[in-house]
Full PDB file with SEQRES, HELIX, SHEET, SSBOND, CRYST1, ORIGX, SCALE, CONECT and MASTER records, all heavy atoms in Angstrom:
SEQRES   1 A   41  MET LYS ALA THR ILE LEU GLN PHE ASP LYS PRO ASP VAL          
SEQRES   2 A   41  LYS PHE THR VAL TYR SER MET VAL ASP ARG GLU ASP GLN          
SEQRES   3 A   41  LEU VAL SER ILE LEU ASN ASN ALA LYS ILE ASP ASN SER          
SEQRES   4 A   41  PHE ILE                                                      
HELIX    1 AA1 LYS A    2  ILE A    5  1                                   4    
HELIX    2 AA2 GLU A   24  ASP A   37  1                                  14    
CRYST1    1.000    1.000    1.000  90.00  90.00  90.00 P 1           1          
ORIGX1      1.000000  0.000000  0.000000        0.00000                         
ORIGX2      0.000000  1.000000  0.000000        0.00000                         
ORIGX3      0.000000  0.000000  1.000000        0.00000                         
SCALE1      1.000000  0.000000  0.000000        0.00000                         
SCALE2      0.000000  1.000000  0.000000        0.00000                         
SCALE3      0.000000  0.000000  1.000000        0.00000                         
ATOM      1  N   MET A   1     116.055  98.569  99.381  1.00  0.00           N  
ATOM      2  CA  MET A   1     115.146  99.200 100.336  1.00  0.00           C  
ATOM      3  C   MET A   1     114.313  98.166 101.095  1.00  0.00           C  
ATOM      4  O   MET A   1     114.022  98.340 102.280  1.00  0.00           O  
ATOM      5  CB  MET A   1     114.234 100.193  99.619  1.00  0.00           C  
ATOM      6  CG  MET A   1     114.976 101.393  99.037  1.00  0.00           C  
ATOM      7  SD  MET A   1     116.127 102.177 100.212  1.00  0.00           S  
ATOM      8  CE  MET A   1     114.983 102.736 101.494  1.00  0.00           C  
ATOM      9  N   LYS A   2     113.952  97.080 100.427  1.00  0.00           N  
ATOM     10  CA  LYS A   2     113.218  96.025 101.137  1.00  0.00           C  
ATOM     11  C   LYS A   2     114.090  95.374 102.200  1.00  0.00           C  
ATOM     12  O   LYS A   2     113.620  95.068 103.305  1.00  0.00           O  
ATOM     13  CB  LYS A   2     112.726  94.975 100.141  1.00  0.00           C  
ATOM     14  CG  LYS A   2     111.467  95.386  99.398  1.00  0.00           C  
ATOM     15  CD  LYS A   2     110.936  94.233  98.550  1.00  0.00           C  
ATOM     16  CE  LYS A   2     109.590  94.577  97.934  1.00  0.00           C  
ATOM     17  NZ  LYS A   2     109.044  93.463  97.130  1.00  0.00           N  
ATOM     18  N   ALA A   3     115.355  95.166 101.862  1.00  0.00           N  
ATOM     19  CA  ALA A   3     116.280  94.598 102.843  1.00  0.00           C  
ATOM     20  C   ALA A   3     116.501  95.560 104.001  1.00  0.00           C  
ATOM     21  O   ALA A   3     116.614  95.148 105.161  1.00  0.00           O  
ATOM     22  CB  ALA A   3     117.610  94.269 102.164  1.00  0.00           C  
ATOM     23  N   THR A   4     116.546  96.840 103.685  1.00  0.00           N  
ATOM     24  CA  THR A   4     116.781  97.867 104.714  1.00  0.00           C  
ATOM     25  C   THR A   4     115.591  98.012 105.645  1.00  0.00           C  
ATOM     26  O   THR A   4     115.738  98.102 106.874  1.00  0.00           O  
ATOM     27  CB  THR A   4     117.082  99.225 104.051  1.00  0.00           C  
ATOM     28  OG1 THR A   4     118.177  99.079 103.148  1.00  0.00           O  
ATOM     29  CG2 THR A   4     117.425 100.276 105.090  1.00  0.00           C  
ATOM     30  N   ILE A   5     114.385  98.026 105.078  1.00  0.00           N  
ATOM     31  CA  ILE A   5     113.194  98.278 105.886  1.00  0.00           C  
ATOM     32  C   ILE A   5     112.918  97.154 106.875  1.00  0.00           C  
ATOM     33  O   ILE A   5     112.222  97.343 107.882  1.00  0.00           O  
ATOM     34  CB  ILE A   5     111.962  98.510 104.966  1.00  0.00           C  
ATOM     35  CG1 ILE A   5     110.921  99.393 105.664  1.00  0.00           C  
ATOM     36  CG2 ILE A   5     111.348  97.199 104.516  1.00  0.00           C  
ATOM     37  CD1 ILE A   5     111.385 100.817 105.867  1.00  0.00           C  
ATOM     38  N   LEU A   6     113.491  95.958 106.612  1.00  0.00           N  
ATOM     39  CA  LEU A   6     113.322  94.847 107.543  1.00  0.00           C  
ATOM     40  C   LEU A   6     113.948  95.138 108.897  1.00  0.00           C  
ATOM     41  O   LEU A   6     113.595  94.503 109.905  1.00  0.00           O  
ATOM     42  CB  LEU A   6     113.939  93.567 106.956  1.00  0.00           C  
ATOM     43  CG  LEU A   6     113.210  92.950 105.758  1.00  0.00           C  
ATOM     44  CD1 LEU A   6     114.007  91.776 105.207  1.00  0.00           C  
ATOM     45  CD2 LEU A   6     111.799  92.498 106.156  1.00  0.00           C  
ATOM     46  N   GLN A   7     114.887  96.089 108.925  1.00  0.00           N  
ATOM     47  CA  GLN A   7     115.543  96.442 110.184  1.00  0.00           C  
ATOM     48  C   GLN A   7     114.711  97.397 111.040  1.00  0.00           C  
ATOM     49  O   GLN A   7     115.145  97.820 112.111  1.00  0.00           O  
ATOM     50  CB  GLN A   7     116.915  97.076 109.883  1.00  0.00           C  
ATOM     51  CG  GLN A   7     117.853  96.160 109.112  1.00  0.00           C  
ATOM     52  CD  GLN A   7     118.139  94.873 109.866  1.00  0.00           C  
ATOM     53  OE1 GLN A   7     118.331  94.884 111.090  1.00  0.00           O  
ATOM     54  NE2 GLN A   7     118.148  93.760 109.139  1.00  0.00           N  
ATOM     55  N   PHE A   8     113.507  97.725 110.565  1.00  0.00           N  
ATOM     56  CA  PHE A   8     112.631  98.638 111.293  1.00  0.00           C  
ATOM     57  C   PHE A   8     111.260  97.998 111.476  1.00  0.00           C  
ATOM     58  O   PHE A   8     110.762  97.303 110.595  1.00  0.00           O  
ATOM     59  CB  PHE A   8     112.471  99.966 110.527  1.00  0.00           C  
ATOM     60  CG  PHE A   8     113.770 100.682 110.304  1.00  0.00           C  
ATOM     61  CD1 PHE A   8     114.527 100.421 109.168  1.00  0.00           C  
ATOM     62  CD2 PHE A   8     114.257 101.597 111.230  1.00  0.00           C  
ATOM     63  CE1 PHE A   8     115.736 101.061 108.951  1.00  0.00           C  
ATOM     64  CE2 PHE A   8     115.465 102.247 111.021  1.00  0.00           C  
ATOM     65  CZ  PHE A   8     116.206 101.972 109.887  1.00  0.00           C  
ATOM     66  N   ASP A   9     110.684  98.235 112.614  1.00  0.00           N  
ATOM     67  CA  ASP A   9     109.363  97.687 112.902  1.00  0.00           C  
ATOM     68  C   ASP A   9     108.298  98.618 112.318  1.00  0.00           C  
ATOM     69  O   ASP A   9     107.549  99.273 113.038  1.00  0.00           O  
ATOM     70  CB  ASP A   9     109.183  97.530 114.417  1.00  0.00           C  
ATOM     71  CG  ASP A   9     107.883  96.821 114.764  1.00  0.00           C  
ATOM     72  OD1 ASP A   9     107.324  96.164 113.860  1.00  0.00           O  
ATOM     73  OD2 ASP A   9     107.428  96.936 115.912  1.00  0.00           O  
ATOM     74  N   LYS A  10     108.281  98.655 110.967  1.00  0.00           N  
ATOM     75  CA  LYS A  10     107.336  99.543 110.275  1.00  0.00           C  
ATOM     76  C   LYS A  10     106.683  98.785 109.119  1.00  0.00           C  
ATOM     77  O   LYS A  10     106.962  99.026 107.943  1.00  0.00           O  
ATOM     78  CB  LYS A  10     108.051 100.787 109.747  1.00  0.00           C  
ATOM     79  CG  LYS A  10     108.684 101.670 110.815  1.00  0.00           C  
ATOM     80  CD  LYS A  10     107.624 102.435 111.605  1.00  0.00           C  
ATOM     81  CE  LYS A  10     107.031 103.546 110.764  1.00  0.00           C  
ATOM     82  NZ  LYS A  10     106.067 104.354 111.550  1.00  0.00           N  
ATOM     83  N   PRO A  11     105.819  97.851 109.421  1.00  0.00           N  
ATOM     84  CA  PRO A  11     105.233  97.012 108.363  1.00  0.00           C  
ATOM     85  C   PRO A  11     104.299  97.766 107.420  1.00  0.00           C  
ATOM     86  O   PRO A  11     103.929  97.237 106.371  1.00  0.00           O  
ATOM     87  CB  PRO A  11     104.470  95.948 109.147  1.00  0.00           C  
ATOM     88  CG  PRO A  11     104.142  96.609 110.456  1.00  0.00           C  
ATOM     89  CD  PRO A  11     105.308  97.512 110.760  1.00  0.00           C  
ATOM     90  N   ASP A  12     103.878  98.963 107.787  1.00  0.00           N  
ATOM     91  CA  ASP A  12     102.903  99.686 106.971  1.00  0.00           C  
ATOM     92  C   ASP A  12     103.544 100.637 105.971  1.00  0.00           C  
ATOM     93  O   ASP A  12     102.874 101.460 105.353  1.00  0.00           O  
ATOM     94  CB  ASP A  12     101.940 100.472 107.872  1.00  0.00           C  
ATOM     95  CG  ASP A  12     102.672 101.448 108.790  1.00  0.00           C  
ATOM     96  OD1 ASP A  12     103.897 101.273 108.966  1.00  0.00           O  
ATOM     97  OD2 ASP A  12     102.024 102.366 109.318  1.00  0.00           O  
ATOM     98  N   VAL A  13     104.862 100.554 105.769  1.00  0.00           N  
ATOM     99  CA  VAL A  13     105.535 101.388 104.773  1.00  0.00           C  
ATOM    100  C   VAL A  13     105.108 100.950 103.377  1.00  0.00           C  
ATOM    101  O   VAL A  13     105.110  99.759 103.057  1.00  0.00           O  
ATOM    102  CB  VAL A  13     107.066 101.302 104.915  1.00  0.00           C  
ATOM    103  CG1 VAL A  13     107.754 102.014 103.746  1.00  0.00           C  
ATOM    104  CG2 VAL A  13     107.510 101.928 106.227  1.00  0.00           C  
ATOM    105  N   LYS A  14     104.758 101.916 102.545  1.00  0.00           N  
ATOM    106  CA  LYS A  14     104.311 101.629 101.182  1.00  0.00           C  
ATOM    107  C   LYS A  14     105.395 102.055 100.183  1.00  0.00           C  
ATOM    108  O   LYS A  14     106.019 103.095 100.344  1.00  0.00           O  
ATOM    109  CB  LYS A  14     103.007 102.384 100.867  1.00  0.00           C  
ATOM    110  CG  LYS A  14     101.872 102.119 101.837  1.00  0.00           C  
ATOM    111  CD  LYS A  14     101.452 100.656 101.842  1.00  0.00           C  
ATOM    112  CE  LYS A  14     100.272 100.432 102.784  1.00  0.00           C  
ATOM    113  NZ  LYS A  14      99.891  98.993 102.863  1.00  0.00           N  
ATOM    114  N   PHE A  15     105.579 101.226  99.144  1.00  0.00           N  
ATOM    115  CA  PHE A  15     106.541 101.533  98.096  1.00  0.00           C  
ATOM    116  C   PHE A  15     105.814 101.957  96.817  1.00  0.00           C  
ATOM    117  O   PHE A  15     104.811 101.339  96.436  1.00  0.00           O  
ATOM    118  CB  PHE A  15     107.409 100.308  97.778  1.00  0.00           C  
ATOM    119  CG  PHE A  15     108.386  99.950  98.860  1.00  0.00           C  
ATOM    120  CD1 PHE A  15     108.045  99.048  99.856  1.00  0.00           C  
ATOM    121  CD2 PHE A  15     109.643 100.526  98.881  1.00  0.00           C  
ATOM    122  CE1 PHE A  15     108.943  98.712 100.856  1.00  0.00           C  
ATOM    123  CE2 PHE A  15     110.555 100.183  99.873  1.00  0.00           C  
ATOM    124  CZ  PHE A  15     110.202  99.287 100.864  1.00  0.00           C  
ATOM    125  N   THR A  16     106.322 102.979  96.190  1.00  0.00           N  
ATOM    126  CA  THR A  16     105.829 103.399  94.881  1.00  0.00           C  
ATOM    127  C   THR A  16     107.023 103.424  93.935  1.00  0.00           C  
ATOM    128  O   THR A  16     108.000 104.140  94.175  1.00  0.00           O  
ATOM    129  CB  THR A  16     105.177 104.794  94.925  1.00  0.00           C  
ATOM    130  OG1 THR A  16     104.110 104.787  95.876  1.00  0.00           O  
ATOM    131  CG2 THR A  16     104.630 105.164  93.548  1.00  0.00           C  
ATOM    132  N   VAL A  17     106.955 102.610  92.888  1.00  0.00           N  
ATOM    133  CA  VAL A  17     108.094 102.458  91.979  1.00  0.00           C  
ATOM    134  C   VAL A  17     107.847 103.216  90.677  1.00  0.00           C  
ATOM    135  O   VAL A  17     106.809 103.036  90.028  1.00  0.00           O  
ATOM    136  CB  VAL A  17     108.355 100.972  91.672  1.00  0.00           C  
ATOM    137  CG1 VAL A  17     109.551 100.829  90.737  1.00  0.00           C  
ATOM    138  CG2 VAL A  17     108.585 100.199  92.966  1.00  0.00           C  
ATOM    139  N   TYR A  18     108.825 104.034  90.319  1.00  0.00           N  
ATOM    140  CA  TYR A  18     108.815 104.731  89.027  1.00  0.00           C  
ATOM    141  C   TYR A  18     110.052 104.262  88.251  1.00  0.00           C  
ATOM    142  O   TYR A  18     111.183 104.645  88.571  1.00  0.00           O  
ATOM    143  CB  TYR A  18     108.849 106.245  89.213  1.00  0.00           C  
ATOM    144  CG  TYR A  18     107.607 106.810  89.876  1.00  0.00           C  
ATOM    145  CD1 TYR A  18     107.550 106.965  91.271  1.00  0.00           C  
ATOM    146  CD2 TYR A  18     106.502 107.172  89.122  1.00  0.00           C  
ATOM    147  CE1 TYR A  18     106.409 107.478  91.880  1.00  0.00           C  
ATOM    148  CE2 TYR A  18     105.356 107.692  89.732  1.00  0.00           C  
ATOM    149  CZ  TYR A  18     105.317 107.841  91.106  1.00  0.00           C  
ATOM    150  OH  TYR A  18     104.190 108.349  91.714  1.00  0.00           O  
ATOM    151  N   SER A  19     109.825 103.416  87.253  1.00  0.00           N  
ATOM    152  CA  SER A  19     110.939 102.871  86.473  1.00  0.00           C  
ATOM    153  C   SER A  19     110.991 103.515  85.085  1.00  0.00           C  
ATOM    154  O   SER A  19     110.034 104.160  84.640  1.00  0.00           O  
ATOM    155  CB  SER A  19     110.794 101.356  86.340  1.00  0.00           C  
ATOM    156  OG  SER A  19     109.573 101.023  85.713  1.00  0.00           O  
ATOM    157  N   MET A  20     112.123 103.328  84.418  1.00  0.00           N  
ATOM    158  CA  MET A  20     112.335 103.835  83.054  1.00  0.00           C  
ATOM    159  C   MET A  20     112.098 105.346  82.958  1.00  0.00           C  
ATOM    160  O   MET A  20     111.549 105.842  81.971  1.00  0.00           O  
ATOM    161  CB  MET A  20     111.422 103.106  82.050  1.00  0.00           C  
ATOM    162  CG  MET A  20     111.467 101.609  82.140  1.00  0.00           C  
ATOM    163  SD  MET A  20     113.138 100.945  81.863  1.00  0.00           S  
ATOM    164  CE  MET A  20     112.860  99.200  82.135  1.00  0.00           C  
ATOM    165  N   VAL A  21     112.507 106.076  83.970  1.00  0.00           N  
ATOM    166  CA  VAL A  21     112.366 107.535  83.940  1.00  0.00           C  
ATOM    167  C   VAL A  21     113.448 108.095  83.020  1.00  0.00           C  
ATOM    168  O   VAL A  21     114.638 108.016  83.323  1.00  0.00           O  
ATOM    169  CB  VAL A  21     112.508 108.136  85.361  1.00  0.00           C  
ATOM    170  CG1 VAL A  21     112.374 109.647  85.303  1.00  0.00           C  
ATOM    171  CG2 VAL A  21     111.463 107.532  86.293  1.00  0.00           C  
ATOM    172  N   ASP A  22     113.034 108.647  81.883  1.00  0.00           N  
ATOM    173  CA  ASP A  22     114.025 109.079  80.894  1.00  0.00           C  
ATOM    174  C   ASP A  22     113.828 110.508  80.388  1.00  0.00           C  
ATOM    175  O   ASP A  22     114.494 110.931  79.441  1.00  0.00           O  
ATOM    176  CB  ASP A  22     114.035 108.113  79.706  1.00  0.00           C  
ATOM    177  CG  ASP A  22     112.667 107.996  79.032  1.00  0.00           C  
ATOM    178  OD1 ASP A  22     111.721 108.700  79.465  1.00  0.00           O  
ATOM    179  OD2 ASP A  22     112.544 107.212  78.073  1.00  0.00           O  
ATOM    180  N   ARG A  23     112.898 111.253  81.029  1.00  0.00           N  
ATOM    181  CA  ARG A  23     112.695 112.655  80.629  1.00  0.00           C  
ATOM    182  C   ARG A  23     112.707 113.547  81.867  1.00  0.00           C  
ATOM    183  O   ARG A  23     112.210 113.169  82.931  1.00  0.00           O  
ATOM    184  CB  ARG A  23     111.360 112.847  79.907  1.00  0.00           C  
ATOM    185  CG  ARG A  23     111.179 112.049  78.648  1.00  0.00           C  
ATOM    186  CD  ARG A  23     109.957 112.543  77.857  1.00  0.00           C  
ATOM    187  NE  ARG A  23     108.846 112.916  78.712  1.00  0.00           N  
ATOM    188  CZ  ARG A  23     107.912 112.086  79.156  1.00  0.00           C  
ATOM    189  NH1 ARG A  23     107.986 110.793  78.860  1.00  0.00           N  
ATOM    190  NH2 ARG A  23     106.915 112.529  79.915  1.00  0.00           N  
ATOM    191  N   GLU A  24     113.249 114.742  81.708  1.00  0.00           N  
ATOM    192  CA  GLU A  24     113.367 115.662  82.844  1.00  0.00           C  
ATOM    193  C   GLU A  24     111.997 116.092  83.357  1.00  0.00           C  
ATOM    194  O   GLU A  24     111.768 116.165  84.580  1.00  0.00           O  
ATOM    195  CB  GLU A  24     114.190 116.886  82.439  1.00  0.00           C  
ATOM    196  CG  GLU A  24     114.454 117.834  83.590  1.00  0.00           C  
ATOM    197  CD  GLU A  24     115.411 118.956  83.216  1.00  0.00           C  
ATOM    198  OE1 GLU A  24     116.267 118.740  82.334  1.00  0.00           O  
ATOM    199  OE2 GLU A  24     115.286 120.052  83.809  1.00  0.00           O  
ATOM    200  N   ASP A  25     111.048 116.380  82.441  1.00  0.00           N  
ATOM    201  CA  ASP A  25     109.717 116.792  82.883  1.00  0.00           C  
ATOM    202  C   ASP A  25     109.008 115.672  83.631  1.00  0.00           C  
ATOM    203  O   ASP A  25     108.273 115.913  84.599  1.00  0.00           O  
ATOM    204  CB  ASP A  25     108.879 117.258  81.695  1.00  0.00           C  
ATOM    205  CG  ASP A  25     108.636 116.160  80.664  1.00  0.00           C  
ATOM    206  OD1 ASP A  25     109.526 115.308  80.480  1.00  0.00           O  
ATOM    207  OD2 ASP A  25     107.545 116.148  80.048  1.00  0.00           O  
ATOM    208  N   GLN A  26     109.229 114.436  83.207  1.00  0.00           N  
ATOM    209  CA  GLN A  26     108.670 113.265  83.891  1.00  0.00           C  
ATOM    210  C   GLN A  26     109.242 113.172  85.302  1.00  0.00           C  
ATOM    211  O   GLN A  26     108.514 112.927  86.267  1.00  0.00           O  
ATOM    212  CB  GLN A  26     108.990 112.011  83.088  1.00  0.00           C  
ATOM    213  CG  GLN A  26     108.497 110.713  83.704  1.00  0.00           C  
ATOM    214  CD  GLN A  26     109.024 109.490  82.963  1.00  0.00           C  
ATOM    215  OE1 GLN A  26     109.980 109.590  82.194  1.00  0.00           O  
ATOM    216  NE2 GLN A  26     108.411 108.345  83.186  1.00  0.00           N  
ATOM    217  N   LEU A  27     110.541 113.377  85.417  1.00  0.00           N  
ATOM    218  CA  LEU A  27     111.206 113.305  86.717  1.00  0.00           C  
ATOM    219  C   LEU A  27     110.685 114.375  87.670  1.00  0.00           C  
ATOM    220  O   LEU A  27     110.378 114.093  88.834  1.00  0.00           O  
ATOM    221  CB  LEU A  27     112.722 113.449  86.524  1.00  0.00           C  
ATOM    222  CG  LEU A  27     113.576 113.457  87.788  1.00  0.00           C  
ATOM    223  CD1 LEU A  27     113.366 112.177  88.591  1.00  0.00           C  
ATOM    224  CD2 LEU A  27     115.051 113.628  87.433  1.00  0.00           C  
ATOM    225  N   VAL A  28     110.565 115.592  87.172  1.00  0.00           N  
ATOM    226  CA  VAL A  28     110.090 116.698  88.021  1.00  0.00           C  
ATOM    227  C   VAL A  28     108.652 116.438  88.480  1.00  0.00           C  
ATOM    228  O   VAL A  28     108.290 116.709  89.631  1.00  0.00           O  
ATOM    229  CB  VAL A  28     110.183 118.038  87.262  1.00  0.00           C  
ATOM    230  CG1 VAL A  28     109.509 119.151  88.056  1.00  0.00           C  
ATOM    231  CG2 VAL A  28     111.637 118.387  86.993  1.00  0.00           C  
ATOM    232  N   SER A  29     107.815 115.900  87.595  1.00  0.00           N  
ATOM    233  CA  SER A  29     106.429 115.593  87.964  1.00  0.00           C  
ATOM    234  C   SER A  29     106.383 114.560  89.089  1.00  0.00           C  
ATOM    235  O   SER A  29     105.592 114.695  90.039  1.00  0.00           O  
ATOM    236  CB  SER A  29     105.690 115.069  86.730  1.00  0.00           C  
ATOM    237  OG  SER A  29     104.378 114.659  87.075  1.00  0.00           O  
ATOM    238  N   ILE A  30     107.259 113.566  89.014  1.00  0.00           N  
ATOM    239  CA  ILE A  30     107.320 112.546  90.063  1.00  0.00           C  
ATOM    240  C   ILE A  30     107.774 113.164  91.386  1.00  0.00           C  
ATOM    241  O   ILE A  30     107.233 112.859  92.459  1.00  0.00           O  
ATOM    242  CB  ILE A  30     108.270 111.410  89.657  1.00  0.00           C  
ATOM    243  CG1 ILE A  30     107.704 110.649  88.442  1.00  0.00           C  
ATOM    244  CG2 ILE A  30     108.496 110.442  90.822  1.00  0.00           C  
ATOM    245  CD1 ILE A  30     108.690 109.693  87.811  1.00  0.00           C  
ATOM    246  N   LEU A  31     108.755 114.025  91.308  1.00  0.00           N  
ATOM    247  CA  LEU A  31     109.260 114.682  92.519  1.00  0.00           C  
ATOM    248  C   LEU A  31     108.187 115.572  93.152  1.00  0.00           C  
ATOM    249  O   LEU A  31     108.089 115.665  94.387  1.00  0.00           O  
ATOM    250  CB  LEU A  31     110.504 115.499  92.177  1.00  0.00           C  
ATOM    251  CG  LEU A  31     111.746 114.684  91.794  1.00  0.00           C  
ATOM    252  CD1 LEU A  31     112.850 115.594  91.279  1.00  0.00           C  
ATOM    253  CD2 LEU A  31     112.247 113.871  92.986  1.00  0.00           C  
ATOM    254  N   ASN A  32     107.381 116.217  92.327  1.00  0.00           N  
ATOM    255  CA  ASN A  32     106.284 117.034  92.859  1.00  0.00           C  
ATOM    256  C   ASN A  32     105.288 116.165  93.616  1.00  0.00           C  
ATOM    257  O   ASN A  32     104.783 116.558  94.684  1.00  0.00           O  
ATOM    258  CB  ASN A  32     105.569 117.774  91.715  1.00  0.00           C  
ATOM    259  CG  ASN A  32     106.401 118.914  91.163  1.00  0.00           C  
ATOM    260  OD1 ASN A  32     107.273 119.462  91.848  1.00  0.00           O  
ATOM    261  ND2 ASN A  32     106.143 119.293  89.917  1.00  0.00           N  
ATOM    262  N   ASN A  33     105.023 114.971  93.083  1.00  0.00           N  
ATOM    263  CA  ASN A  33     104.125 114.041  93.782  1.00  0.00           C  
ATOM    264  C   ASN A  33     104.743 113.582  95.097  1.00  0.00           C  
ATOM    265  O   ASN A  33     104.046 113.427  96.110  1.00  0.00           O  
ATOM    266  CB  ASN A  33     103.833 112.832  92.898  1.00  0.00           C  
ATOM    267  CG  ASN A  33     102.952 113.159  91.722  1.00  0.00           C  
ATOM    268  OD1 ASN A  33     102.191 114.128  91.762  1.00  0.00           O  
ATOM    269  ND2 ASN A  33     103.043 112.374  90.661  1.00  0.00           N  
ATOM    270  N   ALA A  34     106.051 113.352  95.075  1.00  0.00           N  
ATOM    271  CA  ALA A  34     106.748 112.934  96.291  1.00  0.00           C  
ATOM    272  C   ALA A  34     106.653 114.018  97.364  1.00  0.00           C  
ATOM    273  O   ALA A  34     106.510 113.725  98.555  1.00  0.00           O  
ATOM    274  CB  ALA A  34     108.207 112.624  95.978  1.00  0.00           C  
ATOM    275  N   LYS A  35     106.712 115.268  96.918  1.00  0.00           N  
ATOM    276  CA  LYS A  35     106.604 116.391  97.866  1.00  0.00           C  
ATOM    277  C   LYS A  35     105.222 116.412  98.508  1.00  0.00           C  
ATOM    278  O   LYS A  35     105.084 116.597  99.734  1.00  0.00           O  
ATOM    279  CB  LYS A  35     106.869 117.703  97.132  1.00  0.00           C  
ATOM    280  CG  LYS A  35     106.770 118.933  98.022  1.00  0.00           C  
ATOM    281  CD  LYS A  35     107.026 120.200  97.218  1.00  0.00           C  
ATOM    282  CE  LYS A  35     106.858 121.437  98.100  1.00  0.00           C  
ATOM    283  NZ  LYS A  35     107.078 122.694  97.317  1.00  0.00           N  
ATOM    284  N   ILE A  36     104.181 116.197  97.695  1.00  0.00           N  
ATOM    285  CA  ILE A  36     102.816 116.174  98.214  1.00  0.00           C  
ATOM    286  C   ILE A  36     102.644 115.041  99.219  1.00  0.00           C  
ATOM    287  O   ILE A  36     102.007 115.212 100.270  1.00  0.00           O  
ATOM    288  CB  ILE A  36     101.807 116.012  97.053  1.00  0.00           C  
ATOM    289  CG1 ILE A  36     101.849 117.251  96.151  1.00  0.00           C  
ATOM    290  CG2 ILE A  36     100.398 115.772  97.579  1.00  0.00           C  
ATOM    291  CD1 ILE A  36     101.052 117.094  94.864  1.00  0.00           C  
ATOM    292  N   ASP A  37     103.224 113.884  98.911  1.00  0.00           N  
ATOM    293  CA  ASP A  37     103.102 112.712  99.800  1.00  0.00           C  
ATOM    294  C   ASP A  37     104.109 112.747 100.943  1.00  0.00           C  
ATOM    295  O   ASP A  37     104.072 111.867 101.816  1.00  0.00           O  
ATOM    296  CB  ASP A  37     103.323 111.423  98.991  1.00  0.00           C  
ATOM    297  CG  ASP A  37     102.188 111.144  98.030  1.00  0.00           C  
ATOM    298  OD1 ASP A  37     101.084 111.662  98.252  1.00  0.00           O  
ATOM    299  OD2 ASP A  37     102.409 110.406  97.039  1.00  0.00           O  
ATOM    300  N   ASN A  38     105.013 113.719 100.926  1.00  0.00           N  
ATOM    301  CA  ASN A  38     106.088 113.798 101.918  1.00  0.00           C  
ATOM    302  C   ASN A  38     106.831 112.454 102.004  1.00  0.00           C  
ATOM    303  O   ASN A  38     107.047 111.894 103.074  1.00  0.00           O  
ATOM    304  CB  ASN A  38     105.540 114.190 103.295  1.00  0.00           C  
ATOM    305  CG  ASN A  38     106.665 114.547 104.268  1.00  0.00           C  
ATOM    306  OD1 ASN A  38     107.722 115.045 103.854  1.00  0.00           O  
ATOM    307  ND2 ASN A  38     106.456 114.275 105.544  1.00  0.00           N  
ATOM    308  N   SER A  39     107.220 111.943 100.836  1.00  0.00           N  
ATOM    309  CA  SER A  39     107.822 110.612 100.747  1.00  0.00           C  
ATOM    310  C   SER A  39     109.339 110.654 100.913  1.00  0.00           C  
ATOM    311  O   SER A  39     109.989 111.674 100.644  1.00  0.00           O  
ATOM    312  CB  SER A  39     107.505 109.981  99.385  1.00  0.00           C  
ATOM    313  OG  SER A  39     106.132 109.782  99.238  1.00  0.00           O  
ATOM    314  N   PHE A  40     109.868 109.530 101.319  1.00  0.00           N  
ATOM    315  CA  PHE A  40     111.311 109.295 101.268  1.00  0.00           C  
ATOM    316  C   PHE A  40     111.623 108.829  99.848  1.00  0.00           C  
ATOM    317  O   PHE A  40     110.879 108.033  99.267  1.00  0.00           O  
ATOM    318  CB  PHE A  40     111.693 108.213 102.283  1.00  0.00           C  
ATOM    319  CG  PHE A  40     113.168 107.944 102.361  1.00  0.00           C  
ATOM    320  CD1 PHE A  40     113.972 108.636 103.261  1.00  0.00           C  
ATOM    321  CD2 PHE A  40     113.748 106.994 101.535  1.00  0.00           C  
ATOM    322  CE1 PHE A  40     115.332 108.382 103.338  1.00  0.00           C  
ATOM    323  CE2 PHE A  40     115.113 106.731 101.600  1.00  0.00           C  
ATOM    324  CZ  PHE A  40     115.910 107.433 102.496  1.00  0.00           C  
ATOM    325  N   ILE A  41     112.736 109.311  99.285  1.00  0.00           N  
ATOM    326  CA  ILE A  41     113.068 108.982  97.905  1.00  0.00           C  
ATOM    327  C   ILE A  41     114.361 108.179  97.862  1.00  0.00           C  
ATOM    328  O   ILE A  41     115.394 108.611  98.377  1.00  0.00           O  
ATOM    329  CB  ILE A  41     113.224 110.250  97.048  1.00  0.00           C  
ATOM    330  CG1 ILE A  41     111.906 111.030  97.012  1.00  0.00           C  
ATOM    331  CG2 ILE A  41     113.672 109.893  95.629  1.00  0.00           C  
ATOM    332  CD1 ILE A  41     112.023 112.375  96.317  1.00  0.00           C  
TER     333      ILE A  41                                                      
MASTER        0    0    0    2    0    0    0    6  332    1    0    4          
END                                                                             
């Protein structure tokens, strides 16, 4: 994604990393946050 974003003049893009996601409830909670932030996943 860092390599990809270099092709766009959008220096203010913010990254939020969720690693070691190993539970379904954890995943759904993250997706709910993404919906609130209207994020690209």
